[in-house]
Structures are given as C-alpha cells and as structure tokens.
N, C-alpha and C. Protein backbone atom coordinates (compact mmCIF):
# COMPACT_ATOMS: atom_id res chain seq x y z
N UNK A 1 165.21 -268.99 66.88
CA UNK A 1 164.76 -270.54 66.37
C UNK A 1 166.45 -271.13 66.68
N UNK A 2 166.21 -271.65 67.38
CA UNK A 2 167.96 -272.56 67.08
C UNK A 2 168.11 -273.32 66.12
N UNK A 3 169.53 -273.26 65.47
CA UNK A 3 169.45 -274.55 64.27
C UNK A 3 168.87 -275.92 64.34
N UNK A 4 169.04 -276.50 65.89
CA UNK A 4 168.57 -277.67 66.29
C UNK A 4 166.96 -278.19 66.28
N UNK A 5 166.32 -276.59 66.37
CA UNK A 5 165.00 -276.35 66.17
C UNK A 5 164.66 -276.39 64.77
N UNK A 6 165.53 -275.52 64.46
CA UNK A 6 165.11 -275.75 62.44
C UNK A 6 165.01 -277.05 62.22
N UNK A 7 165.82 -277.61 62.57
CA UNK A 7 166.13 -279.01 61.74
C UNK A 7 165.61 -279.92 62.13
N UNK A 8 164.89 -280.43 63.60
CA UNK A 8 163.54 -280.77 63.63
C UNK A 8 162.24 -280.61 63.22
N UNK A 9 162.00 -279.21 63.01
CA UNK A 9 160.59 -278.68 62.28
C UNK A 9 160.85 -279.46 60.87
N UNK A 10 162.17 -279.50 60.28
CA UNK A 10 162.25 -279.44 58.81
C UNK A 10 162.17 -281.16 58.68
N UNK A 11 162.54 -281.82 59.32
CA UNK A 11 162.24 -283.13 59.61
C UNK A 11 160.82 -283.24 59.78
N UNK A 12 160.06 -282.55 60.52
CA UNK A 12 158.75 -282.89 60.57
C UNK A 12 158.27 -282.54 59.34
N UNK A 13 158.14 -281.35 58.79
CA UNK A 13 157.59 -281.09 57.79
C UNK A 13 157.96 -282.02 56.07
N UNK A 14 159.27 -282.61 56.44
CA UNK A 14 159.51 -283.67 55.40
C UNK A 14 158.97 -284.75 55.97
N UNK A 15 158.92 -285.18 56.84
CA UNK A 15 158.22 -286.54 56.95
C UNK A 15 156.52 -286.64 56.79
N UNK A 16 156.10 -285.09 57.17
CA UNK A 16 154.93 -284.86 56.50
C UNK A 16 154.37 -285.03 54.89
N UNK A 17 155.37 -284.92 54.01
CA UNK A 17 155.45 -284.58 52.54
C UNK A 17 155.84 -285.71 52.26
N UNK A 18 157.12 -286.46 53.28
CA UNK A 18 157.00 -288.24 52.69
C UNK A 18 155.42 -288.82 52.64
N UNK A 19 154.69 -288.92 54.02
CA UNK A 19 153.59 -289.64 54.41
C UNK A 19 152.37 -289.08 52.98
N UNK A 20 152.31 -288.23 52.74
CA UNK A 20 151.71 -287.71 51.41
C UNK A 20 151.98 -288.36 50.52
N UNK A 21 153.34 -288.24 50.06
CA UNK A 21 153.99 -288.97 49.29
C UNK A 21 153.79 -290.65 48.58
N UNK A 22 153.57 -290.76 49.61
CA UNK A 22 153.38 -292.30 50.04
C UNK A 22 151.63 -292.59 49.62
N UNK A 23 151.11 -291.60 50.09
CA UNK A 23 149.65 -292.01 50.01
C UNK A 23 149.18 -291.42 48.46
N UNK A 24 149.48 -290.63 47.19
CA UNK A 24 149.72 -290.18 46.38
C UNK A 24 149.93 -291.33 45.41
N UNK A 25 151.01 -292.06 45.52
CA UNK A 25 151.47 -293.03 45.03
C UNK A 25 150.90 -294.73 45.08
N UNK A 26 149.99 -294.69 46.13
CA UNK A 26 149.01 -295.79 46.19
C UNK A 26 147.57 -295.50 45.96
N UNK A 27 147.18 -294.58 45.59
CA UNK A 27 145.91 -293.49 44.65
C UNK A 27 145.39 -293.78 46.23
N UNK A 28 145.56 -293.55 47.78
CA UNK A 28 144.85 -293.82 48.68
C UNK A 28 143.99 -292.70 48.96
N UNK A 29 142.90 -291.78 48.52
CA UNK A 29 142.47 -290.50 48.60
C UNK A 29 142.37 -290.52 49.91
N UNK A 30 142.05 -291.16 50.74
CA UNK A 30 141.56 -290.95 52.42
C UNK A 30 143.00 -290.56 52.88
N UNK A 31 144.32 -291.26 52.57
CA UNK A 31 145.65 -291.03 52.92
C UNK A 31 146.04 -289.55 52.50
N UNK A 32 145.68 -289.33 51.39
CA UNK A 32 145.81 -288.10 50.69
C UNK A 32 145.45 -286.94 51.26
N UNK A 33 143.75 -287.01 51.80
CA UNK A 33 143.58 -285.95 52.07
C UNK A 33 143.89 -285.76 53.93
N UNK A 34 144.08 -286.92 54.55
CA UNK A 34 144.48 -287.04 55.85
C UNK A 34 145.48 -285.57 56.22
N UNK A 35 146.09 -285.35 55.12
CA UNK A 35 147.33 -284.16 55.53
C UNK A 35 147.69 -283.07 55.17
N UNK A 36 145.83 -282.61 55.32
CA UNK A 36 144.84 -281.22 54.72
C UNK A 36 144.25 -280.62 55.73
N UNK A 37 144.31 -279.36 55.72
CA UNK A 37 143.35 -279.11 56.81
C UNK A 37 142.28 -278.69 56.20
N UNK A 38 140.92 -278.78 57.18
CA UNK A 38 139.89 -278.91 56.64
C UNK A 38 139.37 -277.76 55.52
N UNK A 39 139.75 -276.92 56.12
CA UNK A 39 139.91 -275.59 55.10
C UNK A 39 140.55 -275.18 54.21
N UNK A 40 141.74 -276.37 53.21
CA UNK A 40 142.17 -276.59 52.28
C UNK A 40 141.70 -275.25 51.15
N UNK A 41 142.46 -274.79 50.72
CA UNK A 41 142.94 -273.89 49.12
C UNK A 41 143.56 -274.04 48.54
N UNK A 42 143.08 -275.21 47.64
CA UNK A 42 144.37 -275.59 46.69
C UNK A 42 143.89 -275.57 45.06
N UNK A 43 145.08 -274.89 44.27
CA UNK A 43 145.00 -274.31 43.16
C UNK A 43 146.08 -275.58 42.27
N UNK A 44 145.31 -276.62 41.69
CA UNK A 44 145.98 -277.58 41.31
C UNK A 44 145.94 -277.00 39.13
N UNK A 45 146.75 -278.02 39.08
CA UNK A 45 147.40 -277.44 37.44
C UNK A 45 145.82 -278.09 36.50
N UNK A 46 144.99 -279.03 37.01
CA UNK A 46 144.09 -279.70 36.40
C UNK A 46 142.59 -278.97 37.02
N UNK A 47 141.48 -279.11 36.07
CA UNK A 47 140.18 -279.28 36.28
C UNK A 47 140.00 -277.87 36.49
N UNK A 48 139.38 -277.57 37.78
CA UNK A 48 139.09 -276.20 37.95
C UNK A 48 139.95 -274.95 38.15
N UNK A 49 139.37 -273.65 38.37
CA UNK A 49 140.60 -272.58 39.24
C UNK A 49 140.55 -272.88 40.62
N UNK A 50 139.62 -273.38 41.19
CA UNK A 50 140.47 -273.78 42.94
C UNK A 50 139.51 -274.29 43.61
N UNK A 51 139.99 -275.00 44.28
CA UNK A 51 138.99 -276.02 45.36
C UNK A 51 139.24 -275.78 47.24
N UNK A 52 138.18 -275.47 47.27
CA UNK A 52 137.96 -274.83 48.56
C UNK A 52 137.23 -275.82 49.70
N UNK A 53 138.16 -276.42 50.51
CA UNK A 53 138.03 -277.37 51.37
C UNK A 53 138.37 -278.74 51.31
N UNK A 54 138.60 -279.69 52.65
CA UNK A 54 138.70 -280.62 52.25
C UNK A 54 137.76 -281.75 51.31
N UNK A 55 136.43 -281.63 51.21
CA UNK A 55 135.98 -282.35 50.72
C UNK A 55 135.88 -282.08 49.21
N UNK A 56 136.16 -280.94 48.64
CA UNK A 56 135.94 -280.48 47.34
C UNK A 56 136.99 -281.10 47.05
N UNK A 57 138.56 -281.00 47.48
CA UNK A 57 140.06 -281.28 47.34
C UNK A 57 139.42 -283.30 46.91
N UNK A 58 139.05 -283.61 48.24
CA UNK A 58 138.92 -284.84 48.21
C UNK A 58 138.52 -285.82 46.89
N UNK A 59 137.39 -284.97 46.39
CA UNK A 59 136.46 -285.49 45.31
C UNK A 59 137.56 -285.12 43.96
N UNK A 60 138.56 -284.37 43.75
CA UNK A 60 139.29 -284.20 42.55
C UNK A 60 140.26 -285.08 42.71
N UNK A 61 140.63 -285.57 44.29
CA UNK A 61 142.17 -286.75 43.99
C UNK A 61 141.05 -287.74 43.98
N UNK A 62 139.79 -287.95 43.91
CA UNK A 62 139.11 -289.29 43.55
C UNK A 62 138.99 -289.36 42.06
N UNK A 63 138.94 -287.93 41.04
CA UNK A 63 138.91 -288.37 39.84
C UNK A 63 139.94 -288.54 39.52
N UNK A 64 141.23 -287.89 40.12
CA UNK A 64 142.58 -287.77 39.40
C UNK A 64 143.39 -289.33 39.48
N UNK A 65 142.90 -290.24 40.75
CA UNK A 65 142.98 -291.41 40.84
C UNK A 65 142.46 -292.38 39.41
N UNK A 66 141.10 -291.44 39.17
CA UNK A 66 140.60 -292.81 38.27
C UNK A 66 141.60 -292.14 36.86
N UNK A 67 141.65 -291.45 36.55
CA UNK A 67 142.29 -291.11 34.98
C UNK A 67 143.74 -291.34 35.36
N UNK A 68 144.42 -291.30 36.09
CA UNK A 68 145.69 -292.21 36.14
C UNK A 68 145.93 -293.21 37.16
N UNK A 69 145.90 -294.27 36.15
CA UNK A 69 146.25 -295.84 37.16
C UNK A 69 148.09 -295.73 37.24
N UNK A 70 148.06 -296.56 37.82
CA UNK A 70 149.81 -296.44 37.76
C UNK A 70 150.18 -295.23 37.95
N UNK A 71 149.81 -294.60 38.93
CA UNK A 71 150.47 -293.29 39.37
C UNK A 71 152.21 -292.94 39.28
N UNK A 72 152.20 -292.39 38.52
CA UNK A 72 153.99 -291.87 38.89
C UNK A 72 153.97 -290.18 39.37
N UNK A 73 154.72 -290.48 40.38
CA UNK A 73 154.84 -289.07 41.37
C UNK A 73 156.46 -289.05 42.11
N UNK A 74 157.05 -287.95 41.82
CA UNK A 74 158.65 -288.07 41.83
C UNK A 74 158.54 -286.06 42.66
N UNK A 75 159.22 -286.69 43.71
CA UNK A 75 159.64 -285.39 44.26
C UNK A 75 161.08 -284.69 43.69
N UNK A 76 161.06 -283.50 43.65
CA UNK A 76 162.80 -283.48 43.87
C UNK A 76 163.14 -281.79 44.02
N UNK A 77 164.25 -281.28 44.82
CA UNK A 77 164.65 -279.88 45.43
C UNK A 77 163.31 -279.42 46.43
N UNK A 78 162.89 -280.61 47.21
CA UNK A 78 162.13 -279.89 47.94
C UNK A 78 162.12 -278.80 49.37
N UNK A 79 162.07 -277.98 49.25
CA UNK A 79 162.45 -277.10 50.73
C UNK A 79 161.72 -276.38 51.75
N UNK A 80 161.87 -276.09 52.66
CA UNK A 80 161.17 -275.40 52.98
C UNK A 80 161.28 -274.37 54.17
N UNK A 81 160.58 -273.27 54.57
CA UNK A 81 161.26 -272.04 55.35
C UNK A 81 160.09 -272.21 56.00
N UNK A 82 160.71 -271.72 57.24
CA UNK A 82 159.54 -271.07 58.64
C UNK A 82 159.97 -272.62 59.35
N UNK A 83 158.62 -272.91 60.06
CA UNK A 83 158.28 -273.88 60.97
C UNK A 83 158.63 -274.14 62.55
N UNK A 84 158.84 -272.22 63.00
CA UNK A 84 159.62 -272.52 64.46
C UNK A 84 157.73 -271.86 65.13
N UNK A 85 156.96 -271.58 64.47
CA UNK A 85 155.71 -271.30 64.96
C UNK A 85 154.70 -271.86 64.18
N UNK A 86 153.23 -271.33 64.15
CA UNK A 86 152.56 -272.34 63.47
C UNK A 86 152.30 -272.56 61.95
N UNK A 87 153.52 -271.69 61.35
CA UNK A 87 152.93 -271.94 59.74
C UNK A 87 154.60 -272.57 59.44
N UNK A 88 154.34 -272.57 58.19
CA UNK A 88 156.04 -272.81 57.18
C UNK A 88 155.28 -272.50 55.99
N UNK A 89 156.03 -272.61 54.93
CA UNK A 89 155.63 -272.97 52.97
C UNK A 89 157.32 -273.70 52.82
N UNK A 90 156.46 -274.42 51.78
CA UNK A 90 158.03 -274.81 50.85
C UNK A 90 156.95 -274.97 49.75
N UNK A 91 158.43 -275.50 48.79
CA UNK A 91 158.06 -275.93 47.61
C UNK A 91 158.79 -277.41 46.98
N UNK A 92 158.29 -277.02 45.95
CA UNK A 92 159.14 -278.34 45.11
C UNK A 92 158.77 -278.35 43.74
N UNK A 93 159.89 -279.38 42.87
CA UNK A 93 159.28 -279.83 41.76
C UNK A 93 158.62 -281.02 41.62
N UNK A 94 156.98 -281.44 40.87
CA UNK A 94 156.58 -282.51 41.10
C UNK A 94 156.94 -283.07 40.07
N UNK A 95 157.28 -284.81 39.29
CA UNK A 95 157.38 -285.41 38.13
C UNK A 95 155.61 -286.07 38.42
N UNK A 96 154.97 -285.72 37.55
CA UNK A 96 153.64 -286.83 38.35
C UNK A 96 153.14 -286.86 36.56
N UNK A 97 152.05 -287.94 37.04
CA UNK A 97 151.45 -288.18 35.85
C UNK A 97 150.87 -289.96 36.24
N UNK A 98 150.15 -290.50 35.05
CA UNK A 98 149.99 -292.02 35.17
C UNK A 98 149.41 -292.64 33.78
N UNK A 99 148.95 -293.91 34.02
CA UNK A 99 148.71 -294.61 33.07
C UNK A 99 146.80 -294.17 32.46
N UNK A 100 146.47 -293.88 31.36
CA UNK A 100 144.95 -293.68 30.89
C UNK A 100 143.95 -294.56 30.93
N UNK A 101 143.32 -294.40 30.16
CA UNK A 101 142.09 -295.46 30.04
C UNK A 101 142.75 -296.33 29.09
N UNK A 102 143.13 -295.73 28.02
CA UNK A 102 143.93 -296.42 26.62
C UNK A 102 145.10 -297.39 27.17
N UNK A 103 145.56 -297.12 28.01
CA UNK A 103 146.77 -297.47 28.35
C UNK A 103 147.89 -296.81 28.38
N UNK A 104 147.98 -295.48 28.11
CA UNK A 104 149.03 -294.18 27.46
C UNK A 104 149.35 -293.80 28.51
N UNK A 105 150.64 -293.73 29.14
CA UNK A 105 151.60 -293.21 30.13
C UNK A 105 151.91 -292.02 29.85
N UNK A 106 151.59 -291.24 30.42
CA UNK A 106 151.35 -289.31 30.60
C UNK A 106 152.24 -288.72 31.48
N UNK A 107 153.01 -287.96 31.95
CA UNK A 107 153.54 -287.75 32.76
C UNK A 107 154.38 -286.53 32.69
N UNK A 108 154.28 -285.29 33.51
CA UNK A 108 155.36 -283.94 33.14
C UNK A 108 155.77 -283.55 34.53
N UNK A 109 156.33 -282.65 34.53
CA UNK A 109 156.86 -281.91 35.44
C UNK A 109 155.97 -280.49 36.23
N UNK A 110 155.72 -280.61 36.85
CA UNK A 110 155.26 -279.39 37.73
C UNK A 110 155.43 -278.92 38.48
N UNK A 111 155.41 -277.52 38.68
CA UNK A 111 156.01 -276.46 40.24
C UNK A 111 154.93 -276.53 41.36
N UNK A 112 155.21 -276.58 42.32
CA UNK A 112 154.50 -276.54 43.95
C UNK A 112 154.56 -275.92 44.39
N UNK A 113 153.61 -275.22 45.25
CA UNK A 113 154.20 -274.74 46.75
C UNK A 113 153.21 -275.37 47.84
N UNK A 114 153.08 -275.21 48.84
CA UNK A 114 152.81 -275.55 49.82
C UNK A 114 152.57 -274.58 50.79
N UNK A 115 151.49 -273.96 51.71
CA UNK A 115 151.47 -273.67 52.94
C UNK A 115 151.11 -274.24 54.00
N UNK A 116 151.73 -274.50 55.10
CA UNK A 116 151.25 -275.62 55.81
C UNK A 116 151.41 -274.92 57.49
N UNK A 117 150.11 -275.27 58.15
CA UNK A 117 149.77 -274.93 59.71
C UNK A 117 149.70 -275.89 60.58
N UNK A 118 150.45 -275.66 61.75
CA UNK A 118 150.19 -276.57 62.73
C UNK A 118 148.88 -276.76 63.41
N UNK A 119 148.01 -277.61 63.40
CA UNK A 119 146.91 -277.88 63.89
C UNK A 119 147.20 -279.09 65.37
N UNK A 120 146.80 -278.76 66.62
CA UNK A 120 146.82 -279.58 67.29
C UNK A 120 147.89 -280.27 67.76
N UNK A 121 149.20 -279.96 67.30
CA UNK A 121 150.66 -280.79 67.08
C UNK A 121 150.99 -281.18 66.16
N UNK A 122 150.44 -280.93 65.07
CA UNK A 122 150.53 -281.71 63.72
C UNK A 122 150.34 -281.13 62.46
N UNK A 123 151.99 -280.89 61.62
CA UNK A 123 151.48 -280.34 60.18
C UNK A 123 150.56 -280.47 59.70
N UNK A 124 149.77 -279.71 58.57
CA UNK A 124 148.93 -280.50 57.50
C UNK A 124 148.94 -279.04 56.74
N UNK A 125 148.48 -279.26 55.59
CA UNK A 125 148.83 -278.56 54.74
C UNK A 125 147.93 -277.73 54.62
N UNK A 126 148.05 -276.38 54.38
CA UNK A 126 146.42 -275.28 54.16
C UNK A 126 146.68 -275.10 52.93
N UNK A 127 147.20 -274.86 52.17
CA UNK A 127 147.71 -274.78 50.79
C UNK A 127 148.53 -274.91 49.79
N UNK A 128 148.20 -275.47 48.57
CA UNK A 128 148.50 -276.31 48.10
C UNK A 128 148.16 -275.45 46.29
N UNK A 129 149.38 -275.43 45.80
CA UNK A 129 149.20 -275.02 44.00
C UNK A 129 150.32 -275.59 43.41
N UNK A 130 149.51 -276.35 42.56
CA UNK A 130 150.41 -277.13 41.40
C UNK A 130 150.55 -275.86 40.01
N UNK A 131 151.70 -276.05 39.50
CA UNK A 131 151.26 -275.04 38.21
C UNK A 131 151.95 -275.71 37.20
N UNK A 132 152.13 -275.85 35.76
CA UNK A 132 153.06 -276.07 34.93
C UNK A 132 152.99 -275.24 33.79
N UNK A 133 154.26 -275.02 33.54
CA UNK A 133 154.83 -273.72 32.50
C UNK A 133 154.21 -273.69 31.21
N UNK A 134 154.03 -272.51 31.17
CA UNK A 134 153.52 -272.54 29.49
C UNK A 134 153.93 -270.80 28.75
N UNK A 135 154.33 -271.47 27.46
CA UNK A 135 154.95 -270.16 26.44
C UNK A 135 153.92 -269.40 26.12
N UNK A 136 154.03 -268.08 26.24
CA UNK A 136 152.97 -267.15 26.18
C UNK A 136 152.72 -267.18 24.98
N UNK A 137 153.91 -266.92 24.06
CA UNK A 137 154.02 -266.94 22.98
C UNK A 137 152.78 -267.94 21.36
N UNK A 138 153.07 -269.10 22.11
CA UNK A 138 152.00 -269.96 21.92
C UNK A 138 150.55 -270.25 22.65
N UNK A 139 150.88 -270.07 23.76
CA UNK A 139 149.81 -270.41 24.70
C UNK A 139 149.90 -272.18 24.98
N UNK A 140 150.65 -272.63 24.53
CA UNK A 140 151.03 -274.30 25.08
C UNK A 140 151.81 -274.28 26.17
N UNK A 141 151.07 -275.53 26.51
CA UNK A 141 151.80 -275.98 28.01
C UNK A 141 153.09 -276.59 27.63
N UNK A 142 154.16 -276.20 28.25
CA UNK A 142 155.26 -276.85 27.90
C UNK A 142 155.44 -278.32 29.31
N UNK A 143 154.63 -279.53 28.27
CA UNK A 143 154.88 -280.30 29.01
C UNK A 143 156.28 -281.48 29.48
N UNK A 144 157.27 -281.08 28.64
CA UNK A 144 158.20 -281.40 28.26
C UNK A 144 159.18 -280.78 28.97
N UNK A 145 159.04 -279.63 29.75
CA UNK A 145 160.07 -279.11 30.69
C UNK A 145 160.67 -279.54 31.58
N UNK A 146 161.97 -279.61 32.18
CA UNK A 146 162.76 -280.16 33.03
C UNK A 146 163.66 -279.41 34.11
N UNK A 147 163.68 -280.14 35.13
CA UNK A 147 164.44 -279.29 35.81
C UNK A 147 165.94 -279.11 35.38
C-alpha cells in the first residue's frame, strides 16, 4: 500500500467515525446503527456483557439515549491501522455522558476499540468495545480518569 492509498483509506475511516459521532450527539439511533455491520459484536461499558447483532445493539442505544439526554461525546487520540484490504482497526479515548432524568450531568472517559470491515465498498463497524478503567484494589470504577 502506498502512502497515498493509506492516507485515503484512513481519511475514509475518520469520515465514518465523524459521521457516527454526529449521529451519537444527535441521539439518532438509526443514524448510529447505520454505521454498524448487521452482525456487530459489541462490548459496551454498561448494561450487559455483550450485544450480538445490530438489532440488539440498536435497542441498547435507544436505552442509552433515554438515560443520557443532552449527550456529551468527544473523541480524542483517534488512530487507525490497516485499511488496505477489507479490514481495519482503530482506537480512541471517548468522553461520554449526558443529563439524567434528575437534571444531573454525568460524564467520564472511556477507552474504545473498533474493528471495521468493508461491505459493498463502504466501511462499517463490525466490533466495538467500550471500557472504563477500574482500581483492582477497591473494585471501584475510575470515572475521574483523564487522558
């Protein structure tokens, strides 16, 4: 892969995540899930251990948009590898949260990994993994961790 081809592939991948981010900030579940493969396997930091398939993950996103009104979602340190063939992977730090039903705004940093696959010429997210660090001595999540 030439440097120009790599740059073009990475520009496509960044555009995909920017489009996904726009949908997340708008609480647009259909827009969010449009970026996933039908067989997405997702490990989110909340609720259940895993989500198999876009319908299951869409249901989870609907719950999230109800829990977090006025969503906050920022991406930092976004990086991709691959992209010359049919697969690529990336990672970033996400600052996410929102306002709950009591009017309290809560947000924290999470670590995110994504696996992407090209389908019909378009990049889609085939795997997504959000995690929040924790202190093994206390078992407490580190909601105040910062990059």
